[in-house]
């Protein structure tokens, strides 16, 4: 595989040293073509629109503003871009839900000692998955509503409104919210591998993006 066929990454960290560290980490892992990091969100946006990368990595908060503004501009601008966006945070920042609603595809929480590297997170997002920290699972349950419903009722509601969580998605989040990793949830919750996977987490994240997707859905509540 030649260098030009590797997926390109455009990133922006809070400061040059941080961006340089990310760049070294991805290049050491191999399998990436890392472009020169941007120093601001404005620069990242301009360069991404001019020459779209295959992956964007950005700090949640940058010197010139929150990443939510960048994500909104890339997803909903004159030329919407669909490349995966991985957001990095160093704390339990409530702004992360806004980033997911705007269209972020993954969150790397550096305060979570789970041993997953930046390169592993990046590859996971590129492959259609997403990791999730317990505190994010708790925030998602709060966002969608903690009230439990019967499996039958939840299944019906998810068909009527595909932006609602299914019973199995709620069960997955509940187990993660108490500290279980994805690999542990299947046995504890008696969920199939496909129901407790990184791809399933990504599907839940997509439901957060209701402002982007609701206009494309034709919901029919009549029976």
N, C-alpha and C. Protein backbone atom coordinates (compact mmCIF):
# COMPACT_ATOMS: atom_id res chain seq x y z
N UNK A 1 0.85 -1.19 0.00
CA UNK A 1 0.00 0.00 0.00
C UNK A 1 0.88 1.24 0.00
N UNK A 2 0.68 2.09 -0.96
CA UNK A 2 1.48 3.31 -1.03
C UNK A 2 0.92 4.36 -0.10
N UNK A 3 1.76 5.36 0.21
CA UNK A 3 1.36 6.39 1.15
C UNK A 3 0.13 7.14 0.70
N UNK A 4 -0.02 7.35 -0.61
CA UNK A 4 -1.15 8.13 -1.13
C UNK A 4 -2.47 7.40 -1.00
N UNK A 5 -2.44 6.08 -0.77
CA UNK A 5 -3.69 5.33 -0.64
C UNK A 5 -4.11 5.18 0.82
N UNK A 6 -3.27 5.61 1.76
CA UNK A 6 -3.63 5.54 3.16
C UNK A 6 -4.67 6.60 3.48
N UNK A 7 -5.56 6.34 4.45
CA UNK A 7 -6.55 7.35 4.82
C UNK A 7 -5.86 8.59 5.40
N UNK A 8 -6.28 9.75 4.92
CA UNK A 8 -5.67 10.99 5.39
C UNK A 8 -6.39 11.51 6.62
N UNK A 9 -5.62 12.10 7.53
CA UNK A 9 -6.14 12.62 8.79
C UNK A 9 -5.76 14.09 8.91
N UNK A 10 -6.75 14.90 9.26
CA UNK A 10 -6.51 16.31 9.55
C UNK A 10 -6.93 16.55 10.98
N UNK A 11 -6.05 17.15 11.79
CA UNK A 11 -6.32 17.29 13.22
C UNK A 11 -6.04 18.70 13.70
N UNK A 12 -6.60 19.00 14.87
CA UNK A 12 -6.37 20.29 15.52
C UNK A 12 -6.42 20.07 17.03
N UNK A 13 -5.28 20.26 17.70
CA UNK A 13 -5.22 20.16 19.14
C UNK A 13 -5.18 21.53 19.79
N UNK A 14 -5.36 21.55 21.11
CA UNK A 14 -5.40 22.81 21.84
C UNK A 14 -4.14 23.63 21.65
N UNK A 15 -2.99 22.96 21.55
CA UNK A 15 -1.73 23.67 21.33
C UNK A 15 -0.85 22.85 20.41
N UNK A 16 0.18 23.45 19.83
CA UNK A 16 1.04 22.74 18.86
C UNK A 16 1.68 21.47 19.43
N UNK A 17 2.08 21.48 20.71
CA UNK A 17 2.71 20.29 21.29
C UNK A 17 1.73 19.13 21.33
N UNK A 18 0.49 19.44 21.64
CA UNK A 18 -0.55 18.40 21.70
C UNK A 18 -0.77 17.80 20.31
N UNK A 19 -0.91 18.66 19.32
CA UNK A 19 -1.10 18.19 17.95
C UNK A 19 0.08 17.37 17.47
N UNK A 20 1.27 17.82 17.82
CA UNK A 20 2.48 17.09 17.41
C UNK A 20 2.51 15.71 18.05
N UNK A 21 2.06 15.60 19.30
CA UNK A 21 2.01 14.30 19.96
C UNK A 21 1.01 13.37 19.29
N UNK A 22 -0.13 13.90 18.91
CA UNK A 22 -1.12 13.08 18.19
C UNK A 22 -0.54 12.58 16.87
N UNK A 23 0.14 13.49 16.19
CA UNK A 23 0.69 13.13 14.90
C UNK A 23 1.72 12.02 15.03
N UNK A 24 2.59 12.12 16.03
CA UNK A 24 3.60 11.08 16.25
C UNK A 24 2.93 9.75 16.59
N UNK A 25 1.88 9.81 17.39
CA UNK A 25 1.19 8.57 17.79
C UNK A 25 0.58 7.86 16.60
N UNK A 26 -0.07 8.59 15.71
CA UNK A 26 -0.69 7.97 14.54
C UNK A 26 0.36 7.47 13.56
N UNK A 27 1.42 8.24 13.37
CA UNK A 27 2.47 7.81 12.44
C UNK A 27 3.20 6.59 12.98
N UNK A 28 3.38 6.52 14.30
CA UNK A 28 4.04 5.35 14.89
C UNK A 28 3.18 4.10 14.75
N UNK A 29 1.84 4.28 14.84
CA UNK A 29 0.93 3.14 14.70
C UNK A 29 0.89 2.64 13.27
N UNK A 30 1.14 3.52 12.32
CA UNK A 30 1.11 3.15 10.92
C UNK A 30 -0.30 3.09 10.35
N UNK A 31 -0.41 3.14 9.03
CA UNK A 31 -1.71 3.03 8.39
C UNK A 31 -2.42 4.34 8.18
N UNK A 32 -1.71 5.47 8.42
CA UNK A 32 -2.34 6.79 8.28
C UNK A 32 -1.45 7.71 7.47
N UNK A 33 -2.07 8.63 6.78
CA UNK A 33 -1.35 9.73 6.13
C UNK A 33 -1.76 11.01 6.87
N UNK A 34 -0.93 11.44 7.78
CA UNK A 34 -1.27 12.54 8.68
C UNK A 34 -0.82 13.87 8.07
N UNK A 35 -1.78 14.72 7.82
CA UNK A 35 -1.47 16.04 7.27
C UNK A 35 -1.01 16.98 8.37
N UNK A 36 -0.37 18.06 8.00
CA UNK A 36 0.09 19.04 8.96
C UNK A 36 -1.09 19.51 9.80
N UNK A 37 -0.97 19.46 11.14
CA UNK A 37 -2.09 19.85 12.00
C UNK A 37 -2.48 21.32 11.83
N UNK A 38 -3.75 21.59 12.04
CA UNK A 38 -4.24 22.98 12.05
C UNK A 38 -4.09 23.52 13.47
N UNK A 39 -3.92 24.83 13.58
CA UNK A 39 -3.73 25.44 14.90
C UNK A 39 -5.02 26.03 15.46
N UNK A 40 -6.04 26.20 14.60
CA UNK A 40 -7.33 26.73 15.04
C UNK A 40 -8.44 25.99 14.32
N UNK A 41 -9.66 26.14 14.84
CA UNK A 41 -10.82 25.54 14.17
C UNK A 41 -11.07 26.19 12.83
N UNK A 42 -10.85 27.49 12.75
CA UNK A 42 -11.05 28.20 11.48
C UNK A 42 -10.12 27.65 10.41
N UNK A 43 -8.87 27.40 10.78
CA UNK A 43 -7.92 26.84 9.82
C UNK A 43 -8.32 25.43 9.44
N UNK A 44 -8.73 24.62 10.43
CA UNK A 44 -9.13 23.25 10.14
C UNK A 44 -10.32 23.23 9.19
N UNK A 45 -11.29 24.08 9.44
CA UNK A 45 -12.47 24.13 8.58
C UNK A 45 -12.10 24.51 7.16
N UNK A 46 -11.27 25.54 7.01
CA UNK A 46 -10.87 26.00 5.68
C UNK A 46 -10.14 24.91 4.92
N UNK A 47 -9.22 24.23 5.58
CA UNK A 47 -8.44 23.19 4.92
C UNK A 47 -9.27 21.95 4.63
N UNK A 48 -10.20 21.62 5.53
CA UNK A 48 -11.06 20.46 5.30
C UNK A 48 -11.99 20.68 4.12
N UNK A 49 -12.50 21.89 3.98
CA UNK A 49 -13.38 22.20 2.86
C UNK A 49 -12.60 22.25 1.55
N UNK A 50 -11.38 22.72 1.63
CA UNK A 50 -10.58 22.83 0.41
C UNK A 50 -10.11 21.47 -0.07
N UNK A 51 -9.69 20.63 0.86
CA UNK A 51 -9.23 19.28 0.50
C UNK A 51 -9.67 18.32 1.60
N UNK A 52 -10.87 17.74 1.48
CA UNK A 52 -11.44 16.92 2.55
C UNK A 52 -10.55 15.72 2.91
N UNK A 53 -10.30 15.51 4.20
CA UNK A 53 -9.57 14.32 4.65
C UNK A 53 -10.54 13.16 4.82
N UNK A 54 -10.01 11.99 5.14
CA UNK A 54 -10.88 10.84 5.45
C UNK A 54 -11.28 10.81 6.92
N UNK A 55 -10.57 11.58 7.76
CA UNK A 55 -10.87 11.61 9.19
C UNK A 55 -10.44 12.96 9.76
N UNK A 56 -11.30 13.51 10.65
CA UNK A 56 -10.96 14.73 11.38
C UNK A 56 -10.86 14.39 12.86
N UNK A 57 -9.79 14.87 13.50
CA UNK A 57 -9.62 14.73 14.94
C UNK A 57 -9.43 16.12 15.52
N UNK A 58 -10.23 16.45 16.52
CA UNK A 58 -10.13 17.79 17.11
C UNK A 58 -10.40 17.76 18.60
N UNK A 59 -9.72 18.65 19.33
CA UNK A 59 -10.06 18.87 20.73
C UNK A 59 -11.47 19.42 20.81
N UNK A 60 -12.18 19.08 21.88
CA UNK A 60 -13.54 19.58 22.06
C UNK A 60 -13.55 21.09 22.22
N UNK A 61 -12.57 21.60 22.94
CA UNK A 61 -12.47 23.05 23.14
C UNK A 61 -11.14 23.53 22.57
N UNK A 62 -11.21 24.52 21.70
CA UNK A 62 -10.04 25.09 21.06
C UNK A 62 -9.91 26.56 21.43
N UNK A 63 -8.75 27.16 21.25
CA UNK A 63 -8.57 28.58 21.60
C UNK A 63 -9.58 29.50 20.91
N UNK A 64 -10.03 29.14 19.71
CA UNK A 64 -10.97 30.02 19.00
C UNK A 64 -12.41 29.54 19.08
N UNK A 65 -12.71 28.66 20.04
CA UNK A 65 -14.11 28.26 20.23
C UNK A 65 -14.28 26.77 20.43
N UNK A 66 -15.52 26.33 20.66
CA UNK A 66 -15.80 24.89 20.83
C UNK A 66 -15.88 24.19 19.48
N UNK A 67 -15.54 22.90 19.50
CA UNK A 67 -15.57 22.11 18.25
C UNK A 67 -16.97 21.96 17.69
N UNK A 68 -17.99 22.21 18.50
CA UNK A 68 -19.37 22.10 18.00
C UNK A 68 -19.59 23.01 16.79
N UNK A 69 -18.97 24.17 16.81
CA UNK A 69 -19.14 25.11 15.69
C UNK A 69 -18.50 24.57 14.43
N UNK A 70 -17.32 23.95 14.56
CA UNK A 70 -16.66 23.34 13.41
C UNK A 70 -17.50 22.20 12.86
N UNK A 71 -17.99 21.32 13.75
CA UNK A 71 -18.78 20.16 13.30
C UNK A 71 -20.03 20.62 12.57
N UNK A 72 -20.69 21.62 13.12
CA UNK A 72 -21.90 22.15 12.47
C UNK A 72 -21.58 22.69 11.08
N UNK A 73 -20.45 23.41 10.97
CA UNK A 73 -20.07 23.99 9.68
C UNK A 73 -19.75 22.90 8.66
N UNK A 74 -19.09 21.82 9.10
CA UNK A 74 -18.74 20.75 8.17
C UNK A 74 -19.95 19.92 7.77
N UNK A 75 -20.88 19.72 8.71
CA UNK A 75 -22.03 18.86 8.44
C UNK A 75 -23.17 19.60 7.73
N UNK A 76 -23.32 20.88 8.01
CA UNK A 76 -24.51 21.59 7.53
C UNK A 76 -24.18 22.80 6.66
N UNK A 77 -22.96 22.90 6.19
CA UNK A 77 -22.58 24.03 5.37
C UNK A 77 -23.07 23.91 3.94
N UNK A 78 -22.59 24.80 3.11
CA UNK A 78 -22.97 24.78 1.69
C UNK A 78 -22.53 23.49 1.03
N UNK A 79 -21.36 22.99 1.46
CA UNK A 79 -20.84 21.72 0.96
C UNK A 79 -20.69 20.76 2.14
N UNK A 80 -21.77 20.10 2.57
CA UNK A 80 -21.69 19.21 3.74
C UNK A 80 -20.69 18.07 3.51
N UNK A 81 -19.89 17.79 4.53
CA UNK A 81 -18.91 16.72 4.47
C UNK A 81 -19.30 15.60 5.42
N UNK A 82 -19.08 14.37 4.99
CA UNK A 82 -19.54 13.22 5.77
C UNK A 82 -18.41 12.42 6.39
N UNK A 83 -17.17 12.92 6.33
CA UNK A 83 -16.07 12.15 6.90
C UNK A 83 -16.25 12.00 8.42
N UNK A 84 -15.76 10.90 9.01
CA UNK A 84 -15.87 10.74 10.46
C UNK A 84 -15.15 11.85 11.21
N UNK A 85 -15.71 12.24 12.35
CA UNK A 85 -15.11 13.26 13.20
C UNK A 85 -14.94 12.68 14.59
N UNK A 86 -13.70 12.63 15.07
CA UNK A 86 -13.39 12.15 16.40
C UNK A 86 -13.05 13.34 17.29
N UNK A 87 -13.78 13.48 18.39
CA UNK A 87 -13.59 14.60 19.31
C UNK A 87 -12.84 14.11 20.54
N UNK A 88 -11.86 14.90 20.97
CA UNK A 88 -11.05 14.55 22.14
C UNK A 88 -11.38 15.50 23.29
N UNK A 89 -11.60 14.92 24.48
CA UNK A 89 -11.86 15.72 25.67
C UNK A 89 -10.99 15.21 26.81
N UNK A 90 -10.77 16.06 27.80
CA UNK A 90 -9.93 15.69 28.93
C UNK A 90 -10.71 15.68 30.24
N UNK A 91 -12.01 15.79 30.16
CA UNK A 91 -12.83 15.82 31.36
C UNK A 91 -14.27 15.47 30.99
N UNK A 92 -15.10 15.34 32.00
CA UNK A 92 -16.50 15.04 31.75
C UNK A 92 -17.21 16.33 31.37
N UNK A 93 -17.03 16.71 30.12
CA UNK A 93 -17.50 17.99 29.62
C UNK A 93 -18.93 17.85 29.07
N UNK A 94 -19.90 18.60 29.62
CA UNK A 94 -21.28 18.51 29.12
C UNK A 94 -21.41 18.90 27.66
N UNK A 95 -20.43 19.61 27.14
CA UNK A 95 -20.49 20.04 25.74
C UNK A 95 -20.38 18.85 24.78
N UNK A 96 -19.97 17.68 25.31
CA UNK A 96 -19.81 16.53 24.43
C UNK A 96 -21.13 16.10 23.82
N UNK A 97 -22.26 16.26 24.54
CA UNK A 97 -23.55 15.91 23.97
C UNK A 97 -23.90 16.82 22.81
N UNK A 98 -23.53 18.09 22.93
CA UNK A 98 -23.75 19.01 21.82
C UNK A 98 -22.93 18.59 20.61
N UNK A 99 -21.70 18.16 20.85
CA UNK A 99 -20.85 17.71 19.75
C UNK A 99 -21.46 16.49 19.05
N UNK A 100 -22.02 15.57 19.84
CA UNK A 100 -22.66 14.39 19.24
C UNK A 100 -23.90 14.78 18.46
N UNK A 101 -24.67 15.72 18.98
CA UNK A 101 -25.86 16.18 18.27
C UNK A 101 -25.50 16.85 16.95
N UNK A 102 -24.38 17.55 16.93
CA UNK A 102 -24.00 18.25 15.70
C UNK A 102 -23.45 17.30 14.65
N UNK A 103 -23.00 16.10 15.07
CA UNK A 103 -22.53 15.15 14.07
C UNK A 103 -21.21 14.49 14.35
N UNK A 104 -20.66 14.62 15.56
CA UNK A 104 -19.43 13.91 15.91
C UNK A 104 -19.70 12.40 15.89
N UNK A 105 -18.70 11.63 15.50
CA UNK A 105 -18.88 10.19 15.36
C UNK A 105 -18.24 9.38 16.48
N UNK A 106 -17.35 10.01 17.24
CA UNK A 106 -16.69 9.31 18.32
C UNK A 106 -16.11 10.28 19.32
N UNK A 107 -15.89 9.79 20.53
CA UNK A 107 -15.35 10.62 21.61
C UNK A 107 -14.20 9.86 22.26
N UNK A 108 -13.04 10.51 22.34
CA UNK A 108 -11.92 9.97 23.08
C UNK A 108 -11.79 10.79 24.36
N UNK A 109 -12.09 10.16 25.49
CA UNK A 109 -12.01 10.83 26.79
C UNK A 109 -10.68 10.44 27.43
N UNK A 110 -9.75 11.38 27.47
CA UNK A 110 -8.41 11.10 27.97
C UNK A 110 -8.39 10.90 29.48
N UNK A 111 -9.49 11.24 30.17
CA UNK A 111 -9.55 11.03 31.61
C UNK A 111 -9.97 9.61 31.96
N UNK A 112 -10.38 8.82 30.95
CA UNK A 112 -10.78 7.44 31.16
C UNK A 112 -9.58 6.51 30.98
N UNK A 113 -9.13 5.86 32.03
CA UNK A 113 -7.94 4.98 31.93
C UNK A 113 -8.28 3.62 31.35
N UNK A 114 -8.77 3.59 30.11
CA UNK A 114 -9.17 2.31 29.52
C UNK A 114 -8.09 1.69 28.65
N UNK A 115 -6.96 2.38 28.50
CA UNK A 115 -5.86 1.82 27.75
C UNK A 115 -6.02 1.84 26.25
N UNK A 116 -7.09 2.45 25.73
CA UNK A 116 -7.31 2.52 24.28
C UNK A 116 -6.55 3.72 23.74
N UNK A 117 -5.73 3.50 22.75
CA UNK A 117 -4.89 4.57 22.21
C UNK A 117 -5.66 5.43 21.21
N UNK A 118 -5.08 6.58 20.89
CA UNK A 118 -5.68 7.45 19.88
C UNK A 118 -5.80 6.71 18.55
N UNK A 119 -4.78 5.97 18.17
CA UNK A 119 -4.81 5.25 16.90
C UNK A 119 -5.94 4.22 16.88
N UNK A 120 -6.15 3.54 18.01
CA UNK A 120 -7.22 2.55 18.08
C UNK A 120 -8.59 3.21 17.99
N UNK A 121 -8.75 4.34 18.67
CA UNK A 121 -10.00 5.08 18.56
C UNK A 121 -10.24 5.53 17.13
N UNK A 122 -9.20 6.07 16.51
CA UNK A 122 -9.32 6.57 15.14
C UNK A 122 -9.71 5.45 14.18
N UNK A 123 -9.06 4.29 14.33
CA UNK A 123 -9.38 3.16 13.45
C UNK A 123 -10.80 2.67 13.69
N UNK A 124 -11.23 2.66 14.95
CA UNK A 124 -12.58 2.23 15.30
C UNK A 124 -13.61 3.12 14.62
N UNK A 125 -13.41 4.44 14.71
CA UNK A 125 -14.34 5.39 14.09
C UNK A 125 -14.34 5.22 12.57
N UNK A 126 -13.18 5.03 11.98
CA UNK A 126 -13.11 4.85 10.53
C UNK A 126 -13.85 3.59 10.10
N UNK A 127 -13.89 2.58 10.98
CA UNK A 127 -14.55 1.31 10.64
C UNK A 127 -16.02 1.28 11.02
N UNK A 128 -16.57 2.43 11.42
CA UNK A 128 -18.00 2.50 11.70
C UNK A 128 -18.38 2.24 13.14
N UNK A 129 -17.40 2.21 14.05
CA UNK A 129 -17.69 1.97 15.45
C UNK A 129 -17.47 3.21 16.29
N UNK A 130 -17.61 3.04 17.60
CA UNK A 130 -17.36 4.14 18.54
C UNK A 130 -17.22 3.55 19.93
N UNK A 131 -16.28 4.10 20.68
CA UNK A 131 -16.15 3.71 22.08
C UNK A 131 -17.03 4.64 22.91
N UNK A 132 -17.22 4.30 24.17
CA UNK A 132 -18.08 5.14 25.01
C UNK A 132 -17.66 5.00 26.46
N UNK A 133 -17.52 6.13 27.14
CA UNK A 133 -17.16 6.15 28.55
C UNK A 133 -18.43 6.05 29.39
N UNK A 134 -18.34 5.53 30.62
CA UNK A 134 -19.53 5.41 31.46
C UNK A 134 -20.28 6.72 31.66
N UNK A 135 -19.55 7.82 31.84
CA UNK A 135 -20.25 9.10 32.08
C UNK A 135 -21.02 9.55 30.86
N UNK A 136 -20.52 9.22 29.65
CA UNK A 136 -21.26 9.57 28.44
C UNK A 136 -22.52 8.73 28.34
N UNK A 137 -22.42 7.45 28.70
CA UNK A 137 -23.62 6.59 28.71
C UNK A 137 -24.67 7.15 29.66
N UNK A 138 -24.24 7.65 30.83
CA UNK A 138 -25.20 8.23 31.77
C UNK A 138 -25.84 9.49 31.20
N UNK A 139 -25.05 10.30 30.52
CA UNK A 139 -25.60 11.52 29.91
C UNK A 139 -26.60 11.17 28.80
N UNK A 140 -26.31 10.12 28.05
CA UNK A 140 -27.22 9.71 26.98
C UNK A 140 -28.54 9.20 27.56
N UNK A 141 -28.46 8.43 28.64
CA UNK A 141 -29.68 7.96 29.28
C UNK A 141 -30.50 9.13 29.79
N UNK A 142 -29.84 10.12 30.35
CA UNK A 142 -30.55 11.33 30.80
C UNK A 142 -31.20 12.04 29.63
N UNK A 143 -30.46 12.12 28.53
CA UNK A 143 -30.96 12.84 27.35
C UNK A 143 -32.20 12.16 26.77
N UNK A 144 -32.13 10.85 26.62
CA UNK A 144 -33.24 10.12 26.01
C UNK A 144 -34.35 9.80 27.01
N UNK A 145 -34.06 9.96 28.30
CA UNK A 145 -35.05 9.65 29.32
C UNK A 145 -34.74 8.33 29.97
N UNK A 146 -34.61 8.34 31.29
CA UNK A 146 -34.23 7.13 32.02
C UNK A 146 -35.38 6.14 32.16
N UNK A 147 -36.61 6.59 32.00
CA UNK A 147 -37.77 5.72 32.25
C UNK A 147 -37.68 4.45 31.41
N UNK A 148 -37.87 3.34 32.05
CA UNK A 148 -37.82 2.06 31.34
C UNK A 148 -39.20 1.72 30.81
N UNK A 149 -39.23 0.96 29.78
CA UNK A 149 -40.50 0.53 29.20
C UNK A 149 -40.41 -0.96 28.93
N UNK A 150 -41.54 -1.57 28.71
CA UNK A 150 -41.52 -2.99 28.38
C UNK A 150 -40.83 -3.17 27.04
N UNK A 151 -40.30 -4.37 26.83
CA UNK A 151 -39.62 -4.65 25.57
C UNK A 151 -40.56 -4.44 24.39
N UNK A 152 -41.81 -4.88 24.53
CA UNK A 152 -42.78 -4.73 23.45
C UNK A 152 -43.04 -3.25 23.16
N UNK A 153 -43.28 -2.46 24.23
CA UNK A 153 -43.58 -1.05 24.03
C UNK A 153 -42.39 -0.32 23.42
N UNK A 154 -41.18 -0.62 23.91
CA UNK A 154 -40.00 0.04 23.36
C UNK A 154 -39.79 -0.32 21.89
N UNK A 155 -40.07 -1.57 21.56
CA UNK A 155 -39.92 -1.99 20.16
C UNK A 155 -40.90 -1.25 19.26
N UNK A 156 -42.13 -1.10 19.73
CA UNK A 156 -43.14 -0.37 18.95
C UNK A 156 -42.74 1.09 18.79
N UNK A 157 -42.28 1.71 19.90
CA UNK A 157 -41.91 3.12 19.84
C UNK A 157 -40.73 3.36 18.91
N UNK A 158 -39.78 2.40 18.88
CA UNK A 158 -38.61 2.59 18.02
C UNK A 158 -38.97 2.48 16.54
N UNK A 159 -40.06 1.75 16.23
CA UNK A 159 -40.53 1.67 14.84
C UNK A 159 -41.26 2.96 14.48
N UNK A 160 -42.10 3.44 15.41
CA UNK A 160 -42.83 4.67 15.15
C UNK A 160 -41.88 5.86 15.04
N UNK A 161 -40.91 5.93 15.94
CA UNK A 161 -39.95 7.02 15.94
C UNK A 161 -38.54 6.44 16.03
N UNK A 162 -37.85 6.30 14.92
CA UNK A 162 -36.50 5.70 14.91
C UNK A 162 -35.46 6.55 15.61
N UNK A 163 -35.83 7.74 16.11
CA UNK A 163 -34.89 8.56 16.86
C UNK A 163 -34.93 8.25 18.35
N UNK A 164 -35.84 7.34 18.77
CA UNK A 164 -35.90 6.91 20.16
C UNK A 164 -35.00 5.69 20.37
N UNK A 165 -34.52 5.50 21.59
CA UNK A 165 -33.74 4.31 21.91
C UNK A 165 -34.63 3.09 21.98
N UNK A 166 -34.10 1.96 21.53
CA UNK A 166 -34.81 0.71 21.71
C UNK A 166 -34.54 0.20 23.13
N UNK A 167 -35.28 -0.80 23.55
CA UNK A 167 -35.08 -1.39 24.88
C UNK A 167 -33.67 -1.95 25.01
N UNK A 168 -33.16 -2.58 23.96
CA UNK A 168 -31.82 -3.17 24.02
C UNK A 168 -30.75 -2.09 24.04
N UNK A 169 -30.98 -0.98 23.37
CA UNK A 169 -30.03 0.12 23.42
C UNK A 169 -29.98 0.73 24.81
N UNK A 170 -31.14 0.85 25.46
CA UNK A 170 -31.18 1.35 26.84
C UNK A 170 -30.44 0.38 27.77
N UNK A 171 -30.65 -0.90 27.56
CA UNK A 171 -29.98 -1.90 28.39
C UNK A 171 -28.47 -1.81 28.22
N UNK A 172 -28.02 -1.65 26.99
CA UNK A 172 -26.60 -1.50 26.72
C UNK A 172 -26.03 -0.29 27.45
N UNK A 173 -26.70 0.84 27.36
CA UNK A 173 -26.22 2.06 28.02
C UNK A 173 -26.24 1.91 29.54
N UNK A 174 -27.25 1.26 30.06
CA UNK A 174 -27.30 1.09 31.51
C UNK A 174 -26.10 0.30 32.03
N UNK A 175 -25.72 -0.75 31.31
CA UNK A 175 -24.58 -1.55 31.76
C UNK A 175 -23.27 -0.77 31.62
N UNK A 176 -23.13 -0.02 30.54
CA UNK A 176 -21.92 0.78 30.37
C UNK A 176 -21.86 1.88 31.41
N UNK A 177 -23.01 2.44 31.77
CA UNK A 177 -23.05 3.55 32.71
C UNK A 177 -22.55 3.16 34.11
N UNK A 178 -22.56 1.88 34.44
CA UNK A 178 -22.06 1.45 35.74
C UNK A 178 -20.64 0.92 35.66
N UNK A 179 -20.00 1.12 34.52
CA UNK A 179 -18.58 0.82 34.41
C UNK A 179 -18.21 -0.42 33.63
N UNK A 180 -19.17 -1.13 33.06
CA UNK A 180 -18.85 -2.31 32.27
C UNK A 180 -18.35 -1.89 30.89
N UNK A 181 -17.33 -2.57 30.39
CA UNK A 181 -16.85 -2.34 29.05
C UNK A 181 -17.72 -3.11 28.06
N UNK A 182 -17.64 -2.74 26.80
CA UNK A 182 -18.47 -3.39 25.77
C UNK A 182 -18.29 -4.90 25.78
N UNK A 183 -17.05 -5.34 25.95
CA UNK A 183 -16.77 -6.78 25.90
C UNK A 183 -17.44 -7.53 27.05
N UNK A 184 -17.77 -6.82 28.13
CA UNK A 184 -18.36 -7.46 29.29
C UNK A 184 -19.89 -7.44 29.27
N UNK A 185 -20.46 -6.57 28.46
CA UNK A 185 -21.90 -6.34 28.52
C UNK A 185 -22.70 -7.53 28.01
N UNK A 186 -22.23 -8.15 26.95
CA UNK A 186 -23.00 -9.22 26.31
C UNK A 186 -23.43 -10.30 27.28
N UNK A 187 -22.48 -10.79 28.08
CA UNK A 187 -22.80 -11.87 29.02
C UNK A 187 -23.69 -11.36 30.15
N UNK A 188 -23.39 -10.14 30.67
CA UNK A 188 -24.16 -9.61 31.79
C UNK A 188 -25.59 -9.28 31.40
N UNK A 189 -25.78 -8.78 30.19
CA UNK A 189 -27.10 -8.32 29.75
C UNK A 189 -27.79 -9.31 28.84
N UNK A 190 -27.13 -10.42 28.52
CA UNK A 190 -27.68 -11.42 27.61
C UNK A 190 -28.06 -10.78 26.27
N UNK A 191 -27.15 -9.96 25.77
CA UNK A 191 -27.33 -9.35 24.46
C UNK A 191 -26.45 -10.05 23.45
N UNK A 192 -26.91 -10.11 22.21
CA UNK A 192 -26.12 -10.71 21.15
C UNK A 192 -24.92 -9.81 20.85
N UNK A 193 -23.84 -10.38 20.27
CA UNK A 193 -22.66 -9.57 19.95
C UNK A 193 -22.99 -8.32 19.14
N UNK A 194 -23.93 -8.43 18.21
CA UNK A 194 -24.28 -7.27 17.38
C UNK A 194 -25.01 -6.19 18.16
N UNK A 195 -25.54 -6.57 19.34
CA UNK A 195 -26.31 -5.63 20.15
C UNK A 195 -25.47 -4.94 21.22
N UNK A 196 -24.22 -5.33 21.36
CA UNK A 196 -23.33 -4.69 22.33
C UNK A 196 -21.95 -4.47 21.70
N UNK A 197 -21.98 -3.92 20.51
CA UNK A 197 -20.76 -3.69 19.74
C UNK A 197 -20.48 -2.21 19.59
N UNK A 198 -19.28 -1.90 19.11
CA UNK A 198 -18.93 -0.51 18.83
C UNK A 198 -19.84 0.08 17.76
N UNK A 199 -20.29 -0.77 16.83
CA UNK A 199 -21.21 -0.30 15.79
C UNK A 199 -22.55 0.10 16.39
N UNK A 200 -22.99 -0.62 17.44
CA UNK A 200 -24.26 -0.29 18.09
C UNK A 200 -24.15 1.03 18.83
N UNK A 201 -23.00 1.29 19.46
CA UNK A 201 -22.76 2.59 20.11
C UNK A 201 -22.82 3.70 19.07
N UNK A 202 -22.22 3.47 17.93
CA UNK A 202 -22.24 4.46 16.86
C UNK A 202 -23.68 4.74 16.42
N UNK A 203 -24.51 3.71 16.39
CA UNK A 203 -25.92 3.88 16.00
C UNK A 203 -26.64 4.75 17.02
N UNK A 204 -26.31 4.59 18.30
CA UNK A 204 -26.91 5.44 19.33
C UNK A 204 -26.45 6.87 19.17
N UNK A 205 -25.18 7.06 18.87
CA UNK A 205 -24.67 8.41 18.63
C UNK A 205 -25.42 9.07 17.48
N UNK A 206 -25.71 8.28 16.44
CA UNK A 206 -26.41 8.85 15.28
C UNK A 206 -27.81 9.34 15.67
N UNK A 207 -28.43 8.67 16.64
CA UNK A 207 -29.75 9.11 17.08
C UNK A 207 -29.68 10.45 17.80
N UNK A 208 -28.50 10.80 18.31
CA UNK A 208 -28.33 12.11 18.93
C UNK A 208 -28.39 13.22 17.89
N UNK A 209 -28.14 12.87 16.65
CA UNK A 209 -28.03 13.88 15.60
C UNK A 209 -29.39 14.17 14.97
N UNK A 210 -30.42 14.29 15.80
CA UNK A 210 -31.79 14.46 15.30
C UNK A 210 -31.94 15.71 14.47
N UNK A 211 -31.22 16.77 14.78
CA UNK A 211 -31.38 18.01 14.01
C UNK A 211 -30.89 17.85 12.59
N UNK A 212 -29.92 16.95 12.40
CA UNK A 212 -29.39 16.74 11.05
C UNK A 212 -30.26 15.76 10.26
N UNK A 213 -30.84 14.79 10.96
CA UNK A 213 -31.48 13.67 10.28
C UNK A 213 -33.00 13.72 10.24
N UNK A 214 -33.61 14.46 11.16
CA UNK A 214 -35.06 14.44 11.25
C UNK A 214 -35.71 14.89 9.95
N UNK A 215 -35.10 15.82 9.25
CA UNK A 215 -35.68 16.32 8.01
C UNK A 215 -35.70 15.27 6.92
N UNK A 216 -34.85 14.23 7.05
CA UNK A 216 -34.81 13.18 6.03
C UNK A 216 -35.73 12.01 6.37
N UNK A 217 -36.35 12.05 7.56
CA UNK A 217 -37.20 10.94 7.97
C UNK A 217 -38.67 11.25 7.70
N UNK A 218 -39.37 10.29 7.20
CA UNK A 218 -40.82 10.45 6.95
C UNK A 218 -41.52 9.55 7.96
N UNK A 219 -41.81 10.11 9.12
CA UNK A 219 -42.39 9.31 10.20
C UNK A 219 -43.90 9.17 10.01
N UNK A 220 -44.36 7.96 10.18
CA UNK A 220 -45.79 7.69 10.02
C UNK A 220 -46.28 7.06 11.32
N UNK A 221 -47.09 7.78 12.06
CA UNK A 221 -47.58 7.28 13.34
C UNK A 221 -48.95 6.64 13.22
N UNK A 222 -49.49 6.53 12.03
CA UNK A 222 -50.80 5.89 11.86
C UNK A 222 -50.62 4.40 11.69
N UNK A 223 -51.64 3.68 12.11
CA UNK A 223 -51.60 2.20 11.99
C UNK A 223 -52.78 1.76 11.13
